[in-house]
Amino acid sequence: MKDTLILRGRPITSDDLTLIQSLIKEHWQKGRKFISQELCRKWQWYQPNGNLKDMATREILLRLQRMDLIELPPGRTNGNNSI
């Protein structure tokens, strides 16, 4: 990746991609939700109320997968909101 991506208002660097790929490899069996929550913690990315920005992070992960920059474990549901 040459340039920094901006997704959900957050810059995504090549170092971020390396971190994301590492988390996916380490926690593949635990699924996408666990991976996104771990990534929120690593990024220290929280909502003003103190909750993790989990849904925003999941959207970032899904967009990165659609761009063929990462491969996520299979989703666990078949609904429109599954990632």
PDB file of N, CA and C in Angstrom:
ATOM      1  N   MET A   1       0.849  -1.171   0.000  1.00  0.00           N
ATOM      2  CA  MET A   1       0.000   0.000   0.000  1.00  0.00           C
ATOM      3  C   MET A   1       0.895   1.235   0.000  1.00  0.00           C
ATOM      4  N   LYS A   2       0.744   2.083  -0.996  1.00  0.00           N
ATOM      5  CA  LYS A   2       1.600   3.253  -1.146  1.00  0.00           C
ATOM      6  C   LYS A   2       1.152   4.403  -0.253  1.00  0.00           C
ATOM      7  N   ASP A   3      -0.120   4.733  -0.306  1.00  0.00           N
ATOM      8  CA  ASP A   3      -0.636   5.888   0.413  1.00  0.00           C
ATOM      9  C   ASP A   3      -1.406   5.439   1.650  1.00  0.00           C
ATOM     10  N   THR A   4      -1.580   6.381   2.558  1.00  0.00           N
ATOM     11  CA  THR A   4      -2.396   6.126   3.729  1.00  0.00           C
ATOM     12  C   THR A   4      -3.861   6.214   3.332  1.00  0.00           C
ATOM     13  N   LEU A   5      -4.625   5.208   3.701  1.00  0.00           N
ATOM     14  CA  LEU A   5      -6.074   5.231   3.486  1.00  0.00           C
ATOM     15  C   LEU A   5      -6.737   5.958   4.645  1.00  0.00           C
ATOM     16  N   ILE A   6      -7.866   6.585   4.385  1.00  0.00           N
ATOM     17  CA  ILE A   6      -8.673   7.163   5.443  1.00  0.00           C
ATOM     18  C   ILE A   6     -10.010   6.435   5.403  1.00  0.00           C
ATOM     19  N   LEU A   7     -10.300   5.674   6.435  1.00  0.00           N
ATOM     20  CA  LEU A   7     -11.554   4.939   6.537  1.00  0.00           C
ATOM     21  C   LEU A   7     -12.216   5.285   7.859  1.00  0.00           C
ATOM     22  N   ARG A   8     -13.476   5.677   7.802  1.00  0.00           N
ATOM     23  CA  ARG A   8     -14.222   6.082   9.000  1.00  0.00           C
ATOM     24  C   ARG A   8     -13.484   7.170   9.775  1.00  0.00           C
ATOM     25  N   GLY A   9     -12.815   8.060   9.043  1.00  0.00           N
ATOM     26  CA  GLY A   9     -12.106   9.160   9.660  1.00  0.00           C
ATOM     27  C   GLY A   9     -10.782   8.782  10.295  1.00  0.00           C
ATOM     28  N   ARG A  10     -10.361   7.529  10.087  1.00  0.00           N
ATOM     29  CA  ARG A  10      -9.123   7.062  10.700  1.00  0.00           C
ATOM     30  C   ARG A  10      -8.108   6.720   9.628  1.00  0.00           C
ATOM     31  N   PRO A  11      -6.882   7.260   9.741  1.00  0.00           N
ATOM     32  CA  PRO A  11      -5.844   6.876   8.786  1.00  0.00           C
ATOM     33  C   PRO A  11      -5.445   5.412   8.996  1.00  0.00           C
ATOM     34  N   ILE A  12      -5.314   4.693   7.907  1.00  0.00           N
ATOM     35  CA  ILE A  12      -4.871   3.295   7.953  1.00  0.00           C
ATOM     36  C   ILE A  12      -3.533   3.225   7.222  1.00  0.00           C
ATOM     37  N   THR A  13      -2.477   2.974   7.968  1.00  0.00           N
ATOM     38  CA  THR A  13      -1.124   2.938   7.413  1.00  0.00           C
ATOM     39  C   THR A  13      -0.707   1.500   7.114  1.00  0.00           C
ATOM     40  N   SER A  14       0.446   1.339   6.503  1.00  0.00           N
ATOM     41  CA  SER A  14       0.964  -0.009   6.267  1.00  0.00           C
ATOM     42  C   SER A  14       1.264  -0.706   7.604  1.00  0.00           C
ATOM     43  N   ASP A  15       1.679   0.056   8.620  1.00  0.00           N
ATOM     44  CA  ASP A  15       1.876  -0.536   9.955  1.00  0.00           C
ATOM     45  C   ASP A  15       0.553  -1.039  10.531  1.00  0.00           C
ATOM     46  N   ASP A  16      -0.527  -0.287  10.296  1.00  0.00           N
ATOM     47  CA  ASP A  16      -1.850  -0.736  10.742  1.00  0.00           C
ATOM     48  C   ASP A  16      -2.229  -2.038  10.053  1.00  0.00           C
ATOM     49  N   LEU A  17      -1.971  -2.125   8.749  1.00  0.00           N
ATOM     50  CA  LEU A  17      -2.284  -3.360   8.019  1.00  0.00           C
ATOM     51  C   LEU A  17      -1.490  -4.537   8.561  1.00  0.00           C
ATOM     52  N   THR A  18      -0.243  -4.311   8.898  1.00  0.00           N
ATOM     53  CA  THR A  18       0.573  -5.373   9.489  1.00  0.00           C
ATOM     54  C   THR A  18      -0.020  -5.815  10.823  1.00  0.00           C
ATOM     55  N   LEU A  19      -0.426  -4.864  11.652  1.00  0.00           N
ATOM     56  CA  LEU A  19      -1.062  -5.177  12.932  1.00  0.00           C
ATOM     57  C   LEU A  19      -2.356  -5.955  12.714  1.00  0.00           C
ATOM     58  N   ILE A  20      -3.184  -5.497  11.786  1.00  0.00           N
ATOM     59  CA  ILE A  20      -4.461  -6.157  11.513  1.00  0.00           C
ATOM     60  C   ILE A  20      -4.231  -7.588  11.042  1.00  0.00           C
ATOM     61  N   GLN A  21      -3.294  -7.778  10.122  1.00  0.00           N
ATOM     62  CA  GLN A  21      -3.003  -9.123   9.619  1.00  0.00           C
ATOM     63  C   GLN A  21      -2.495 -10.025  10.737  1.00  0.00           C
ATOM     64  N   SER A  22      -1.708  -9.479  11.646  1.00  0.00           N
ATOM     65  CA  SER A  22      -1.213 -10.245  12.784  1.00  0.00           C
ATOM     66  C   SER A  22      -2.364 -10.655  13.712  1.00  0.00           C
ATOM     67  N   LEU A  23      -3.267  -9.715  13.994  1.00  0.00           N
ATOM     68  CA  LEU A  23      -4.415 -10.022  14.852  1.00  0.00           C
ATOM     69  C   LEU A  23      -5.307 -11.080  14.214  1.00  0.00           C
ATOM     70  N   ILE A  24      -5.519 -10.971  12.915  1.00  0.00           N
ATOM     71  CA  ILE A  24      -6.349 -11.958  12.210  1.00  0.00           C
ATOM     72  C   ILE A  24      -5.715 -13.341  12.312  1.00  0.00           C
ATOM     73  N   LYS A  25      -4.419 -13.412  12.065  1.00  0.00           N
ATOM     74  CA  LYS A  25      -3.717 -14.705  12.129  1.00  0.00           C
ATOM     75  C   LYS A  25      -3.772 -15.287  13.540  1.00  0.00           C
ATOM     76  N   GLU A  26      -3.552 -14.451  14.540  1.00  0.00           N
ATOM     77  CA  GLU A  26      -3.516 -14.904  15.931  1.00  0.00           C
ATOM     78  C   GLU A  26      -4.894 -15.326  16.445  1.00  0.00           C
ATOM     79  N   HIS A  27      -5.943 -14.647  15.993  1.00  0.00           N
ATOM     80  CA  HIS A  27      -7.275 -14.871  16.560  1.00  0.00           C
ATOM     81  C   HIS A  27      -8.299 -15.358  15.533  1.00  0.00           C
ATOM     82  N   TRP A  28      -7.847 -15.970  14.459  1.00  0.00           N
ATOM     83  CA  TRP A  28      -8.724 -16.434  13.370  1.00  0.00           C
ATOM     84  C   TRP A  28      -9.920 -17.223  13.903  1.00  0.00           C
ATOM     85  N   GLN A  29      -9.684 -18.163  14.792  1.00  0.00           N
ATOM     86  CA  GLN A  29     -10.749 -19.036  15.289  1.00  0.00           C
ATOM     87  C   GLN A  29     -11.755 -18.313  16.186  1.00  0.00           C
ATOM     88  N   LYS A  30     -11.387 -17.163  16.716  1.00  0.00           N
ATOM     89  CA  LYS A  30     -12.279 -16.431  17.619  1.00  0.00           C
ATOM     90  C   LYS A  30     -13.261 -15.550  16.869  1.00  0.00           C
ATOM     91  N   GLY A  31     -13.026 -15.329  15.591  1.00  0.00           N
ATOM     92  CA  GLY A  31     -13.985 -14.626  14.754  1.00  0.00           C
ATOM     93  C   GLY A  31     -13.759 -13.133  14.619  1.00  0.00           C
ATOM     94  N   ARG A  32     -14.568 -12.561  13.750  1.00  0.00           N
ATOM     95  CA  ARG A  32     -14.429 -11.164  13.354  1.00  0.00           C
ATOM     96  C   ARG A  32     -14.722 -10.191  14.493  1.00  0.00           C
ATOM     97  N   LYS A  33     -15.731 -10.476  15.285  1.00  0.00           N
ATOM     98  CA  LYS A  33     -16.075  -9.563  16.380  1.00  0.00           C
ATOM     99  C   LYS A  33     -14.922  -9.465  17.371  1.00  0.00           C
ATOM    100  N   PHE A  34     -14.351 -10.597  17.744  1.00  0.00           N
ATOM    101  CA  PHE A  34     -13.229 -10.595  18.675  1.00  0.00           C
ATOM    102  C   PHE A  34     -12.048  -9.820  18.088  1.00  0.00           C
ATOM    103  N   ILE A  35     -11.766 -10.060  16.806  1.00  0.00           N
ATOM    104  CA  ILE A  35     -10.661  -9.377  16.143  1.00  0.00           C
ATOM    105  C   ILE A  35     -10.891  -7.868  16.138  1.00  0.00           C
ATOM    106  N   SER A  36     -12.101  -7.446  15.826  1.00  0.00           N
ATOM    107  CA  SER A  36     -12.374  -6.003  15.786  1.00  0.00           C
ATOM    108  C   SER A  36     -12.261  -5.385  17.172  1.00  0.00           C
ATOM    109  N   GLN A  37     -12.702  -6.097  18.196  1.00  0.00           N
ATOM    110  CA  GLN A  37     -12.590  -5.573  19.557  1.00  0.00           C
ATOM    111  C   GLN A  37     -11.124  -5.475  19.991  1.00  0.00           C
ATOM    112  N   GLU A  38     -10.329  -6.463  19.641  1.00  0.00           N
ATOM    113  CA  GLU A  38      -8.898  -6.406  19.954  1.00  0.00           C
ATOM    114  C   GLU A  38      -8.222  -5.239  19.229  1.00  0.00           C
ATOM    115  N   LEU A  39      -8.612  -5.023  17.976  1.00  0.00           N
ATOM    116  CA  LEU A  39      -8.047  -3.918  17.221  1.00  0.00           C
ATOM    117  C   LEU A  39      -8.429  -2.580  17.863  1.00  0.00           C
ATOM    118  N   CYS A  40      -9.668  -2.434  18.309  1.00  0.00           N
ATOM    119  CA  CYS A  40     -10.078  -1.212  19.019  1.00  0.00           C
ATOM    120  C   CYS A  40      -9.180  -0.971  20.224  1.00  0.00           C
ATOM    121  N   ARG A  41      -8.908  -2.019  20.978  1.00  0.00           N
ATOM    122  CA  ARG A  41      -8.065  -1.873  22.171  1.00  0.00           C
ATOM    123  C   ARG A  41      -6.641  -1.464  21.786  1.00  0.00           C
ATOM    124  N   LYS A  42      -6.098  -2.099  20.753  1.00  0.00           N
ATOM    125  CA  LYS A  42      -4.734  -1.769  20.312  1.00  0.00           C
ATOM    126  C   LYS A  42      -4.650  -0.319  19.844  1.00  0.00           C
ATOM    127  N   TRP A  43      -5.683   0.133  19.131  1.00  0.00           N
ATOM    128  CA  TRP A  43      -5.728   1.498  18.634  1.00  0.00           C
ATOM    129  C   TRP A  43      -6.165   2.482  19.717  1.00  0.00           C
ATOM    130  N   GLN A  44      -6.647   1.960  20.846  1.00  0.00           N
ATOM    131  CA  GLN A  44      -7.236   2.786  21.903  1.00  0.00           C
ATOM    132  C   GLN A  44      -8.343   3.660  21.301  1.00  0.00           C
ATOM    133  N   TRP A  45      -9.247   2.986  20.575  1.00  0.00           N
ATOM    134  CA  TRP A  45     -10.306   3.668  19.835  1.00  0.00           C
ATOM    135  C   TRP A  45     -11.628   3.439  20.545  1.00  0.00           C
ATOM    136  N   TYR A  46     -12.091   4.476  21.250  1.00  0.00           N
ATOM    137  CA  TYR A  46     -13.293   4.384  22.080  1.00  0.00           C
ATOM    138  C   TYR A  46     -14.270   5.498  21.730  1.00  0.00           C
ATOM    139  N   GLN A  47     -15.541   5.234  21.988  1.00  0.00           N
ATOM    140  CA  GLN A  47     -16.581   6.253  21.874  1.00  0.00           C
ATOM    141  C   GLN A  47     -16.488   7.183  23.086  1.00  0.00           C
ATOM    142  N   PRO A  48     -17.113   8.358  23.002  1.00  0.00           N
ATOM    143  CA  PRO A  48     -17.097   9.270  24.158  1.00  0.00           C
ATOM    144  C   PRO A  48     -17.648   8.647  25.446  1.00  0.00           C
ATOM    145  N   ASN A  49     -18.560   7.658  25.311  1.00  0.00           N
ATOM    146  CA  ASN A  49     -19.121   7.007  26.500  1.00  0.00           C
ATOM    147  C   ASN A  49     -18.230   5.889  27.041  1.00  0.00           C
ATOM    148  N   GLY A  50     -17.073   5.675  26.420  1.00  0.00           N
ATOM    149  CA  GLY A  50     -16.128   4.667  26.893  1.00  0.00           C
ATOM    150  C   GLY A  50     -16.229   3.313  26.220  1.00  0.00           C
ATOM    151  N   ASN A  51     -17.277   3.091  25.414  1.00  0.00           N
ATOM    152  CA  ASN A  51     -17.413   1.828  24.693  1.00  0.00           C
ATOM    153  C   ASN A  51     -16.442   1.790  23.517  1.00  0.00           C
ATOM    154  N   LEU A  52     -16.064   0.578  23.138  1.00  0.00           N
ATOM    155  CA  LEU A  52     -15.208   0.407  21.963  1.00  0.00           C
ATOM    156  C   LEU A  52     -15.934   0.865  20.706  1.00  0.00           C
ATOM    157  N   LYS A  53     -15.206   1.375  19.742  1.00  0.00           N
ATOM    158  CA  LYS A  53     -15.785   1.724  18.444  1.00  0.00           C
ATOM    159  C   LYS A  53     -15.810   0.468  17.567  1.00  0.00           C
ATOM    160  N   ASP A  54     -16.474  -0.545  18.083  1.00  0.00           N
ATOM    161  CA  ASP A  54     -16.469  -1.868  17.466  1.00  0.00           C
ATOM    162  C   ASP A  54     -17.122  -1.877  16.083  1.00  0.00           C
ATOM    163  N   MET A  55     -18.278  -1.271  15.933  1.00  0.00           N
ATOM    164  CA  MET A  55     -18.956  -1.318  14.636  1.00  0.00           C
ATOM    165  C   MET A  55     -18.167  -0.550  13.572  1.00  0.00           C
ATOM    166  N   ALA A  56     -17.585   0.576  13.927  1.00  0.00           N
ATOM    167  CA  ALA A  56     -16.759   1.328  12.978  1.00  0.00           C
ATOM    168  C   ALA A  56     -15.539   0.500  12.580  1.00  0.00           C
ATOM    169  N   THR A  57     -14.957  -0.192  13.545  1.00  0.00           N
ATOM    170  CA  THR A  57     -13.789  -1.025  13.268  1.00  0.00           C
ATOM    171  C   THR A  57     -14.165  -2.196  12.377  1.00  0.00           C
ATOM    172  N   ARG A  58     -15.330  -2.796  12.626  1.00  0.00           N
ATOM    173  CA  ARG A  58     -15.767  -3.894  11.763  1.00  0.00           C
ATOM    174  C   ARG A  58     -15.992  -3.419  10.338  1.00  0.00           C
ATOM    175  N   GLU A  59     -16.537  -2.216  10.198  1.00  0.00           N
ATOM    176  CA  GLU A  59     -16.731  -1.671   8.854  1.00  0.00           C
ATOM    177  C   GLU A  59     -15.381  -1.469   8.162  1.00  0.00           C
ATOM    178  N   ILE A  60     -14.394  -0.974   8.884  1.00  0.00           N
ATOM    179  CA  ILE A  60     -13.053  -0.805   8.323  1.00  0.00           C
ATOM    180  C   ILE A  60     -12.498  -2.153   7.869  1.00  0.00           C
ATOM    181  N   LEU A  61     -12.630  -3.171   8.716  1.00  0.00           N
ATOM    182  CA  LEU A  61     -12.120  -4.498   8.366  1.00  0.00           C
ATOM    183  C   LEU A  61     -12.800  -5.031   7.111  1.00  0.00           C
ATOM    184  N   LEU A  62     -14.106  -4.857   7.026  1.00  0.00           N
ATOM    185  CA  LEU A  62     -14.836  -5.336   5.859  1.00  0.00           C
ATOM    186  C   LEU A  62     -14.397  -4.591   4.593  1.00  0.00           C
ATOM    187  N   ARG A  63     -14.208  -3.290   4.706  1.00  0.00           N
ATOM    188  CA  ARG A  63     -13.769  -2.508   3.551  1.00  0.00           C
ATOM    189  C   ARG A  63     -12.355  -2.917   3.125  1.00  0.00           C
ATOM    190  N   LEU A  64     -11.477  -3.171   4.080  1.00  0.00           N
ATOM    191  CA  LEU A  64     -10.124  -3.636   3.749  1.00  0.00           C
ATOM    192  C   LEU A  64     -10.165  -4.987   3.049  1.00  0.00           C
ATOM    193  N   GLN A  65     -11.074  -5.850   3.478  1.00  0.00           N
ATOM    194  CA  GLN A  65     -11.214  -7.154   2.828  1.00  0.00           C
ATOM    195  C   GLN A  65     -11.721  -6.974   1.396  1.00  0.00           C
ATOM    196  N   ARG A  66     -12.693  -6.102   1.212  1.00  0.00           N
ATOM    197  CA  ARG A  66     -13.223  -5.848  -0.135  1.00  0.00           C
ATOM    198  C   ARG A  66     -12.160  -5.261  -1.061  1.00  0.00           C
ATOM    199  N   MET A  67     -11.178  -4.591  -0.473  1.00  0.00           N
ATOM    200  CA  MET A  67     -10.066  -4.027  -1.252  1.00  0.00           C
ATOM    201  C   MET A  67      -8.944  -5.051  -1.446  1.00  0.00           C
ATOM    202  N   ASP A  68      -9.160  -6.286  -0.978  1.00  0.00           N
ATOM    203  CA  ASP A  68      -8.170  -7.371  -1.060  1.00  0.00           C
ATOM    204  C   ASP A  68      -6.878  -7.049  -0.323  1.00  0.00           C
ATOM    205  N   LEU A  69      -6.972  -6.290   0.767  1.00  0.00           N
ATOM    206  CA  LEU A  69      -5.797  -5.972   1.573  1.00  0.00           C
ATOM    207  C   LEU A  69      -5.661  -6.914   2.771  1.00  0.00           C
ATOM    208  N   ILE A  70      -6.763  -7.545   3.175  1.00  0.00           N
ATOM    209  CA  ILE A  70      -6.746  -8.528   4.260  1.00  0.00           C
ATOM    210  C   ILE A  70      -7.736  -9.636   3.920  1.00  0.00           C
ATOM    211  N   GLU A  71      -7.644 -10.737   4.646  1.00  0.00           N
ATOM    212  CA  GLU A  71      -8.631 -11.807   4.546  1.00  0.00           C
ATOM    213  C   GLU A  71      -9.153 -12.083   5.943  1.00  0.00           C
ATOM    214  N   LEU A  72     -10.460 -11.893   6.114  1.00  0.00           N
ATOM    215  CA  LEU A  72     -11.101 -12.135   7.409  1.00  0.00           C
ATOM    216  C   LEU A  72     -11.597 -13.567   7.497  1.00  0.00           C
ATOM    217  N   PRO A  73     -11.747 -14.071   8.738  1.00  0.00           N
ATOM    218  CA  PRO A  73     -12.379 -15.383   8.881  1.00  0.00           C
ATOM    219  C   PRO A  73     -13.812 -15.306   8.370  1.00  0.00           C
ATOM    220  N   PRO A  74     -14.406 -16.439   8.032  1.00  0.00           N
ATOM    221  CA  PRO A  74     -15.791 -16.423   7.557  1.00  0.00           C
ATOM    222  C   PRO A  74     -16.718 -15.811   8.602  1.00  0.00           C
ATOM    223  N   GLY A  75     -17.747 -15.102   8.113  1.00  0.00           N
ATOM    224  CA  GLY A  75     -18.759 -14.564   9.012  1.00  0.00           C
ATOM    225  C   GLY A  75     -19.577 -15.693   9.622  1.00  0.00           C
ATOM    226  N   ARG A  76     -20.148 -15.441  10.770  1.00  0.00           N
ATOM    227  CA  ARG A  76     -20.910 -16.487  11.462  1.00  0.00           C
ATOM    228  C   ARG A  76     -22.392 -16.448  11.168  1.00  0.00           C
ATOM    229  N   THR A  77     -22.879 -15.346  10.548  1.00  0.00           N
ATOM    230  CA  THR A  77     -24.296 -15.257  10.209  1.00  0.00           C
ATOM    231  C   THR A  77     -24.441 -14.936   8.729  1.00  0.00           C
ATOM    232  N   ASN A  78     -25.654 -15.047   8.233  1.00  0.00           N
ATOM    233  CA  ASN A  78     -25.901 -14.782   6.818  1.00  0.00           C
ATOM    234  C   ASN A  78     -26.668 -13.487   6.598  1.00  0.00           C
ATOM    235  N   GLY A  79     -26.887 -12.690   7.638  1.00  0.00           N
ATOM    236  CA  GLY A  79     -27.637 -11.447   7.515  1.00  0.00           C
ATOM    237  C   GLY A  79     -26.842 -10.351   6.848  1.00  0.00           C
ATOM    238  N   ASN A  80     -27.505  -9.253   6.580  1.00  0.00           N
ATOM    239  CA  ASN A  80     -26.853  -8.118   5.916  1.00  0.00           C
ATOM    240  C   ASN A  80     -25.791  -7.483   6.790  1.00  0.00           C
ATOM    241  N   ASN A  81     -25.886  -7.642   8.103  1.00  0.00           N
ATOM    242  CA  ASN A  81     -24.924  -7.010   8.991  1.00  0.00           C
ATOM    243  C   ASN A  81     -23.755  -7.910   9.354  1.00  0.00           C
ATOM    244  N   SER A  82     -23.694  -9.086   8.776  1.00  0.00           N
ATOM    245  CA  SER A  82     -22.598  -9.982   9.140  1.00  0.00           C
ATOM    246  C   SER A  82     -21.315  -9.550   8.465  1.00  0.00           C
ATOM    247  N   ILE A  83     -20.231  -9.615   9.243  1.00  0.00           N
ATOM    248  CA  ILE A  83     -18.931  -9.364   8.632  1.00  0.00           C
ATOM    249  C   ILE A  83     -17.948 -10.382   9.121  1.00  0.00           C
TER     250      ILE A  83
END
